[in-house]
N, C-alpha and C. Protein backbone atom coordinates (compact mmCIF):
# COMPACT_ATOMS: atom_id res chain seq x y z
N MET A 1 95.73 105.50 24.43
CA MET A 1 94.80 104.66 23.71
C MET A 1 94.45 105.33 22.37
N VAL A 2 94.54 104.59 21.30
CA VAL A 2 94.28 105.10 19.96
C VAL A 2 92.77 105.12 19.72
N ASP A 3 92.26 106.28 19.25
CA ASP A 3 90.83 106.40 18.96
C ASP A 3 90.61 106.57 17.46
N ASP A 4 89.37 106.85 17.07
CA ASP A 4 89.03 106.98 15.64
C ASP A 4 89.83 108.08 14.95
N LEU A 5 89.99 109.22 15.61
CA LEU A 5 90.75 110.32 15.01
C LEU A 5 92.20 109.91 14.78
N ASP A 6 92.79 109.26 15.78
CA ASP A 6 94.17 108.78 15.62
C ASP A 6 94.27 107.82 14.44
N ASN A 7 93.32 106.89 14.33
CA ASN A 7 93.32 105.94 13.22
C ASN A 7 93.19 106.64 11.87
N GLN A 8 92.39 107.69 11.81
CA GLN A 8 92.25 108.45 10.56
C GLN A 8 93.55 109.16 10.21
N ILE A 9 94.22 109.73 11.21
CA ILE A 9 95.51 110.39 10.99
C ILE A 9 96.53 109.37 10.47
N ILE A 10 96.57 108.20 11.11
CA ILE A 10 97.51 107.14 10.71
C ILE A 10 97.23 106.71 9.27
N GLU A 11 95.96 106.55 8.93
CA GLU A 11 95.59 106.12 7.58
C GLU A 11 96.05 107.16 6.54
N ILE A 12 95.82 108.43 6.83
CA ILE A 12 96.23 109.49 5.90
C ILE A 12 97.75 109.48 5.73
N LEU A 13 98.49 109.37 6.83
CA LEU A 13 99.95 109.35 6.75
C LEU A 13 100.46 108.10 6.05
N GLY A 14 99.71 107.01 6.14
CA GLY A 14 100.08 105.79 5.42
C GLY A 14 100.01 105.97 3.92
N LEU A 15 99.11 106.84 3.48
CA LEU A 15 98.98 107.13 2.05
C LEU A 15 99.96 108.18 1.59
N ASP A 16 100.22 109.17 2.46
CA ASP A 16 101.15 110.25 2.13
C ASP A 16 101.84 110.71 3.42
N GLY A 17 102.98 110.12 3.71
CA GLY A 17 103.71 110.42 4.93
C GLY A 17 104.25 111.84 5.01
N ARG A 18 104.21 112.56 3.90
CA ARG A 18 104.70 113.94 3.88
C ARG A 18 103.59 114.97 3.99
N MET A 19 102.35 114.52 4.13
CA MET A 19 101.23 115.46 4.21
C MET A 19 101.42 116.36 5.43
N SER A 20 101.18 117.64 5.26
CA SER A 20 101.36 118.60 6.34
C SER A 20 100.25 118.45 7.39
N ASN A 21 100.56 118.90 8.60
CA ASN A 21 99.56 118.88 9.66
C ASN A 21 98.32 119.69 9.27
N ALA A 22 98.55 120.81 8.57
CA ALA A 22 97.42 121.66 8.15
C ALA A 22 96.52 120.91 7.17
N SER A 23 97.12 120.18 6.23
CA SER A 23 96.32 119.41 5.26
C SER A 23 95.54 118.29 5.94
N ILE A 24 96.19 117.61 6.87
CA ILE A 24 95.50 116.55 7.61
C ILE A 24 94.33 117.15 8.38
N ALA A 25 94.57 118.28 9.03
CA ALA A 25 93.53 118.95 9.81
C ALA A 25 92.34 119.32 8.92
N ARG A 26 92.61 119.88 7.74
CA ARG A 26 91.53 120.24 6.81
C ARG A 26 90.74 119.01 6.39
N ASN A 27 91.45 117.92 6.07
CA ASN A 27 90.77 116.68 5.65
C ASN A 27 89.87 116.11 6.74
N LEU A 28 90.27 116.29 8.00
CA LEU A 28 89.53 115.68 9.10
C LEU A 28 88.61 116.67 9.83
N GLY A 29 88.69 117.95 9.46
CA GLY A 29 87.82 118.95 10.08
C GLY A 29 88.16 119.27 11.52
N VAL A 30 89.46 119.25 11.83
CA VAL A 30 89.91 119.61 13.17
C VAL A 30 91.02 120.65 13.04
N SER A 31 91.48 121.18 14.17
CA SER A 31 92.52 122.21 14.12
C SER A 31 93.90 121.58 13.88
N GLU A 32 94.79 122.40 13.35
CA GLU A 32 96.17 121.94 13.13
C GLU A 32 96.84 121.60 14.45
N GLY A 33 96.55 122.35 15.49
CA GLY A 33 97.10 122.07 16.82
C GLY A 33 96.69 120.70 17.33
N THR A 34 95.45 120.31 17.06
CA THR A 34 94.97 118.98 17.46
C THR A 34 95.80 117.91 16.77
N ILE A 35 96.04 118.08 15.47
CA ILE A 35 96.83 117.10 14.71
C ILE A 35 98.24 117.04 15.26
N ARG A 36 98.85 118.19 15.51
CA ARG A 36 100.22 118.24 16.02
C ARG A 36 100.31 117.52 17.38
N ARG A 37 99.36 117.80 18.28
CA ARG A 37 99.36 117.15 19.60
C ARG A 37 99.17 115.63 19.46
N ARG A 38 98.22 115.23 18.63
CA ARG A 38 97.95 113.80 18.45
C ARG A 38 99.18 113.09 17.87
N LEU A 39 99.83 113.69 16.87
CA LEU A 39 101.02 113.08 16.27
C LEU A 39 102.14 112.95 17.29
N ASN A 40 102.34 113.98 18.11
CA ASN A 40 103.38 113.92 19.14
C ASN A 40 103.11 112.80 20.13
N ILE A 41 101.85 112.63 20.53
CA ILE A 41 101.49 111.55 21.45
C ILE A 41 101.71 110.19 20.79
N LEU A 42 101.26 110.05 19.53
CA LEU A 42 101.43 108.78 18.81
C LEU A 42 102.91 108.42 18.67
N LYS A 43 103.76 109.41 18.41
CA LYS A 43 105.19 109.16 18.31
C LYS A 43 105.79 108.82 19.67
N ASP A 44 105.44 109.61 20.69
CA ASP A 44 106.00 109.39 22.03
C ASP A 44 105.62 108.03 22.59
N GLU A 45 104.41 107.56 22.28
CA GLU A 45 103.95 106.27 22.79
C GLU A 45 104.40 105.10 21.92
N GLY A 46 105.11 105.40 20.83
CA GLY A 46 105.63 104.35 19.97
C GLY A 46 104.60 103.72 19.05
N VAL A 47 103.44 104.37 18.89
CA VAL A 47 102.41 103.85 18.00
C VAL A 47 102.84 104.03 16.55
N ILE A 48 103.46 105.17 16.25
CA ILE A 48 103.95 105.41 14.89
C ILE A 48 105.43 105.79 14.95
N ASN A 49 106.09 105.55 13.84
CA ASN A 49 107.48 105.93 13.65
C ASN A 49 107.58 106.42 12.22
N ILE A 50 107.89 107.68 12.05
CA ILE A 50 107.92 108.26 10.71
C ILE A 50 109.35 108.19 10.20
N LYS A 51 109.52 107.54 9.01
CA LYS A 51 110.84 107.41 8.41
C LYS A 51 110.69 107.21 6.91
N VAL A 52 111.80 107.24 6.21
CA VAL A 52 111.81 107.02 4.78
C VAL A 52 111.92 105.53 4.51
N VAL A 53 111.10 105.00 3.60
CA VAL A 53 111.17 103.61 3.20
C VAL A 53 111.45 103.58 1.70
N LEU A 54 112.57 102.97 1.33
CA LEU A 54 112.96 102.91 -0.08
C LEU A 54 112.17 101.86 -0.84
N ASN A 55 111.82 102.17 -2.06
CA ASN A 55 111.24 101.20 -2.97
C ASN A 55 112.37 100.25 -3.37
N PRO A 56 112.21 98.93 -3.18
CA PRO A 56 113.29 98.00 -3.50
C PRO A 56 113.69 98.02 -4.97
N ASN A 57 112.80 98.44 -5.84
CA ASN A 57 113.12 98.52 -7.26
C ASN A 57 114.08 99.67 -7.57
N TYR A 58 114.22 100.60 -6.61
CA TYR A 58 115.11 101.75 -6.80
C TYR A 58 116.57 101.31 -6.84
N LEU A 59 116.91 100.35 -6.00
CA LEU A 59 118.28 99.85 -5.96
C LEU A 59 118.34 98.48 -6.62
N ALA A 60 118.81 98.43 -7.84
CA ALA A 60 118.85 97.17 -8.58
C ALA A 60 119.76 96.14 -7.92
N SER A 61 120.76 96.61 -7.20
CA SER A 61 121.71 95.68 -6.59
C SER A 61 121.25 95.17 -5.23
N GLN A 62 120.11 95.62 -4.77
CA GLN A 62 119.59 95.23 -3.46
C GLN A 62 118.92 93.85 -3.54
N THR A 63 119.15 93.01 -2.55
CA THR A 63 118.49 91.71 -2.44
C THR A 63 117.54 91.77 -1.27
N GLU A 64 116.29 91.42 -1.52
CA GLU A 64 115.29 91.42 -0.46
C GLU A 64 114.74 90.01 -0.34
N ALA A 65 114.46 89.58 0.89
CA ALA A 65 113.92 88.25 1.11
C ALA A 65 113.03 88.25 2.34
N ILE A 66 112.13 87.27 2.37
CA ILE A 66 111.34 86.99 3.55
C ILE A 66 111.86 85.65 4.07
N ILE A 67 112.10 85.59 5.35
CA ILE A 67 112.67 84.39 5.94
C ILE A 67 111.70 83.84 6.98
N GLY A 68 111.33 82.57 6.81
CA GLY A 68 110.52 81.87 7.81
C GLY A 68 111.45 81.19 8.79
N ILE A 69 111.17 81.34 10.07
CA ILE A 69 112.05 80.79 11.11
C ILE A 69 111.22 79.96 12.08
N GLN A 70 111.65 78.71 12.28
CA GLN A 70 111.07 77.88 13.33
C GLN A 70 111.98 77.96 14.54
N VAL A 71 111.37 78.13 15.72
CA VAL A 71 112.16 78.28 16.94
C VAL A 71 111.62 77.39 18.04
N ASP A 72 112.42 77.23 19.06
CA ASP A 72 111.97 76.60 20.29
C ASP A 72 111.06 77.63 20.96
N LEU A 73 109.76 77.32 21.08
CA LEU A 73 108.78 78.30 21.55
C LEU A 73 109.07 78.81 22.95
N SER A 74 109.80 78.06 23.74
CA SER A 74 110.10 78.52 25.10
C SER A 74 111.04 79.73 25.11
N VAL A 75 111.71 79.99 23.97
CA VAL A 75 112.64 81.13 23.91
C VAL A 75 112.28 82.08 22.76
N ILE A 76 111.03 82.07 22.31
CA ILE A 76 110.66 82.88 21.14
C ILE A 76 110.91 84.37 21.38
N ARG A 77 110.61 84.87 22.56
CA ARG A 77 110.82 86.31 22.84
C ARG A 77 112.30 86.66 22.82
N GLU A 78 113.14 85.78 23.32
CA GLU A 78 114.58 86.02 23.29
C GLU A 78 115.10 86.03 21.85
N VAL A 79 114.58 85.11 21.03
CA VAL A 79 114.97 85.08 19.62
C VAL A 79 114.55 86.38 18.94
N VAL A 80 113.32 86.85 19.20
CA VAL A 80 112.84 88.09 18.60
C VAL A 80 113.74 89.26 19.00
N LEU A 81 114.15 89.32 20.26
CA LEU A 81 115.03 90.40 20.70
C LEU A 81 116.36 90.38 19.94
N LYS A 82 116.90 89.18 19.72
CA LYS A 82 118.16 89.06 18.95
C LYS A 82 117.94 89.47 17.49
N LEU A 83 116.81 89.06 16.91
CA LEU A 83 116.51 89.43 15.52
C LEU A 83 116.38 90.95 15.40
N ASN A 84 115.77 91.58 16.39
CA ASN A 84 115.59 93.04 16.36
C ASN A 84 116.91 93.79 16.31
N GLU A 85 117.98 93.16 16.77
CA GLU A 85 119.31 93.79 16.78
C GLU A 85 120.01 93.72 15.43
N ILE A 86 119.53 92.89 14.52
CA ILE A 86 120.21 92.69 13.23
C ILE A 86 119.81 93.80 12.27
N GLU A 87 120.80 94.55 11.81
CA GLU A 87 120.57 95.73 10.97
C GLU A 87 119.83 95.43 9.68
N GLU A 88 120.12 94.31 9.05
CA GLU A 88 119.53 93.99 7.75
C GLU A 88 118.04 93.63 7.82
N ILE A 89 117.55 93.35 9.02
CA ILE A 89 116.14 92.96 9.19
C ILE A 89 115.28 94.21 9.27
N ARG A 90 114.27 94.25 8.38
CA ARG A 90 113.39 95.42 8.29
C ARG A 90 112.17 95.29 9.18
N TRP A 91 111.61 94.08 9.29
CA TRP A 91 110.49 93.84 10.20
C TRP A 91 110.51 92.40 10.68
N VAL A 92 109.90 92.19 11.85
CA VAL A 92 109.81 90.88 12.48
C VAL A 92 108.36 90.64 12.85
N ASN A 93 107.81 89.48 12.45
CA ASN A 93 106.43 89.10 12.80
C ASN A 93 106.45 87.76 13.49
N ILE A 94 105.79 87.67 14.64
CA ILE A 94 105.54 86.37 15.28
C ILE A 94 104.25 85.86 14.65
N THR A 95 104.27 84.59 14.19
CA THR A 95 103.15 84.07 13.42
C THR A 95 102.69 82.71 13.94
N SER A 96 101.63 82.22 13.34
CA SER A 96 101.20 80.85 13.59
C SER A 96 101.41 80.08 12.30
N GLY A 97 101.36 78.76 12.37
CA GLY A 97 101.54 77.95 11.18
C GLY A 97 102.88 77.25 11.18
N SER A 98 103.40 76.97 9.99
CA SER A 98 104.65 76.21 9.86
C SER A 98 105.85 76.95 10.43
N PHE A 99 105.82 78.27 10.40
CA PHE A 99 106.92 79.06 10.93
C PHE A 99 106.42 79.89 12.10
N ASP A 100 107.29 80.06 13.08
CA ASP A 100 106.95 80.82 14.28
C ASP A 100 107.21 82.31 14.09
N ILE A 101 108.15 82.62 13.22
CA ILE A 101 108.56 84.01 12.98
C ILE A 101 108.80 84.19 11.48
N PHE A 102 108.40 85.32 10.95
CA PHE A 102 108.81 85.75 9.62
C PHE A 102 109.55 87.06 9.76
N VAL A 103 110.63 87.22 9.00
CA VAL A 103 111.36 88.48 8.96
C VAL A 103 111.54 88.89 7.50
N ASN A 104 111.61 90.17 7.28
CA ASN A 104 111.91 90.72 5.96
C ASN A 104 113.31 91.31 6.05
N VAL A 105 114.17 90.92 5.12
CA VAL A 105 115.55 91.39 5.15
C VAL A 105 115.92 92.06 3.84
N SER A 106 116.89 92.93 3.93
CA SER A 106 117.42 93.60 2.75
C SER A 106 118.94 93.59 2.87
N THR A 107 119.60 93.00 1.84
CA THR A 107 121.06 92.95 1.81
C THR A 107 121.55 93.48 0.47
N LYS A 108 122.83 93.76 0.38
CA LYS A 108 123.39 94.30 -0.86
C LYS A 108 123.53 93.26 -1.95
N SER A 109 123.62 91.98 -1.57
CA SER A 109 123.83 90.93 -2.56
C SER A 109 123.36 89.59 -2.00
N LEU A 110 123.30 88.60 -2.88
CA LEU A 110 122.96 87.24 -2.43
C LEU A 110 124.03 86.69 -1.49
N SER A 111 125.28 87.02 -1.75
CA SER A 111 126.34 86.53 -0.87
C SER A 111 126.22 87.17 0.52
N ASP A 112 125.79 88.43 0.59
CA ASP A 112 125.55 89.06 1.89
C ASP A 112 124.36 88.40 2.59
N LEU A 113 123.35 87.97 1.81
CA LEU A 113 122.22 87.26 2.38
C LEU A 113 122.68 85.94 3.00
N LEU A 114 123.56 85.24 2.31
CA LEU A 114 124.10 83.98 2.83
C LEU A 114 124.84 84.20 4.14
N VAL A 115 125.65 85.24 4.20
CA VAL A 115 126.38 85.57 5.43
C VAL A 115 125.40 85.88 6.56
N LEU A 116 124.36 86.61 6.26
CA LEU A 116 123.32 86.94 7.24
C LEU A 116 122.69 85.66 7.80
N LEU A 117 122.34 84.75 6.89
CA LEU A 117 121.70 83.49 7.31
C LEU A 117 122.64 82.64 8.15
N GLN A 118 123.89 82.50 7.69
CA GLN A 118 124.84 81.62 8.37
C GLN A 118 125.38 82.21 9.67
N ASN A 119 125.78 83.46 9.63
CA ASN A 119 126.54 84.04 10.74
C ASN A 119 125.71 84.84 11.73
N LYS A 120 124.50 85.17 11.37
CA LYS A 120 123.69 85.96 12.30
C LYS A 120 122.43 85.18 12.71
N ILE A 121 121.50 85.00 11.79
CA ILE A 121 120.23 84.36 12.14
C ILE A 121 120.44 82.91 12.56
N GLY A 122 121.24 82.17 11.80
CA GLY A 122 121.47 80.76 12.08
C GLY A 122 122.19 80.47 13.38
N LYS A 123 122.85 81.47 13.94
CA LYS A 123 123.61 81.27 15.18
C LYS A 123 122.84 81.68 16.43
N ILE A 124 121.60 82.13 16.27
CA ILE A 124 120.81 82.53 17.44
C ILE A 124 120.32 81.28 18.16
N ASP A 125 120.59 81.20 19.45
CA ASP A 125 120.12 80.07 20.25
C ASP A 125 118.60 79.99 20.19
N GLY A 126 118.09 78.79 19.92
CA GLY A 126 116.64 78.58 19.84
C GLY A 126 116.12 78.49 18.43
N VAL A 127 116.92 78.93 17.44
CA VAL A 127 116.51 78.82 16.03
C VAL A 127 116.71 77.37 15.59
N LYS A 128 115.62 76.75 15.09
CA LYS A 128 115.68 75.34 14.69
C LYS A 128 115.75 75.17 13.17
N LYS A 129 115.04 76.02 12.43
CA LYS A 129 114.99 75.88 10.97
C LYS A 129 114.78 77.26 10.35
N ILE A 130 115.41 77.46 9.20
CA ILE A 130 115.27 78.70 8.45
C ILE A 130 114.91 78.34 7.01
N GLU A 131 113.94 79.05 6.45
CA GLU A 131 113.64 78.90 5.02
C GLU A 131 113.53 80.30 4.42
N THR A 132 114.24 80.49 3.31
CA THR A 132 114.34 81.81 2.70
C THR A 132 113.53 81.89 1.42
N PHE A 133 112.77 82.96 1.29
CA PHE A 133 111.97 83.24 0.10
C PHE A 133 112.48 84.55 -0.49
N THR A 134 113.23 84.46 -1.59
CA THR A 134 113.80 85.66 -2.21
C THR A 134 112.72 86.43 -2.94
N THR A 135 112.68 87.73 -2.70
CA THR A 135 111.69 88.60 -3.34
C THR A 135 112.12 88.88 -4.77
N LEU A 136 111.24 88.58 -5.72
CA LEU A 136 111.52 88.83 -7.13
C LEU A 136 110.95 90.17 -7.59
N ASP A 137 109.81 90.56 -7.02
CA ASP A 137 109.16 91.81 -7.39
C ASP A 137 108.22 92.21 -6.26
N VAL A 138 107.94 93.50 -6.14
CA VAL A 138 107.00 94.01 -5.14
C VAL A 138 105.95 94.83 -5.87
N PRO A 139 104.91 94.17 -6.41
CA PRO A 139 103.89 94.90 -7.16
C PRO A 139 102.96 95.74 -6.28
N LYS A 140 102.88 95.44 -4.98
CA LYS A 140 102.05 96.25 -4.10
C LYS A 140 102.66 96.27 -2.71
N ASP A 141 102.79 97.45 -2.14
CA ASP A 141 103.23 97.64 -0.76
C ASP A 141 102.74 99.02 -0.34
N LYS A 142 101.70 99.08 0.43
CA LYS A 142 101.10 100.35 0.83
C LYS A 142 102.08 101.21 1.61
N LEU A 143 102.96 100.58 2.42
CA LEU A 143 103.90 101.35 3.21
C LEU A 143 104.92 102.07 2.33
N ARG A 144 105.21 101.52 1.18
CA ARG A 144 106.17 102.12 0.27
C ARG A 144 105.51 102.92 -0.84
N GLY A 145 104.21 102.97 -0.82
CA GLY A 145 103.50 103.71 -1.85
C GLY A 145 103.53 103.03 -3.20
N ILE A 146 103.58 101.71 -3.19
CA ILE A 146 103.62 100.95 -4.46
C ILE A 146 102.25 100.34 -4.69
């Protein structure tokens, strides 16, 4: 179970994922060992996953899009599992409203995006409608430090 200290650690790492355990401990007034133990538990329980996230502006040839997907609600979990297997998909959100699922994708080109839509997402059983929103700019993204 995540408590206030865990949330503070997560918030600090969200701002600077490279901050040392010692620095986090100093900021929060606890021991470095406490931070190390808490981080190990958070990682082991799947609460956090520490990785590198590229700024999309770094790669000019990269195409990023958000895709709204309408599905047959009786198979939404199965659709999500299939989406999770697609390498180009960065995140999957189950939502309310006009679309049941939103995904964020990153491909090398618009033609690769088309192949992704036609040959991967569009062929998943239960997918009824897809609408693509191509990302033109990312002026703010806390996860990427933008």
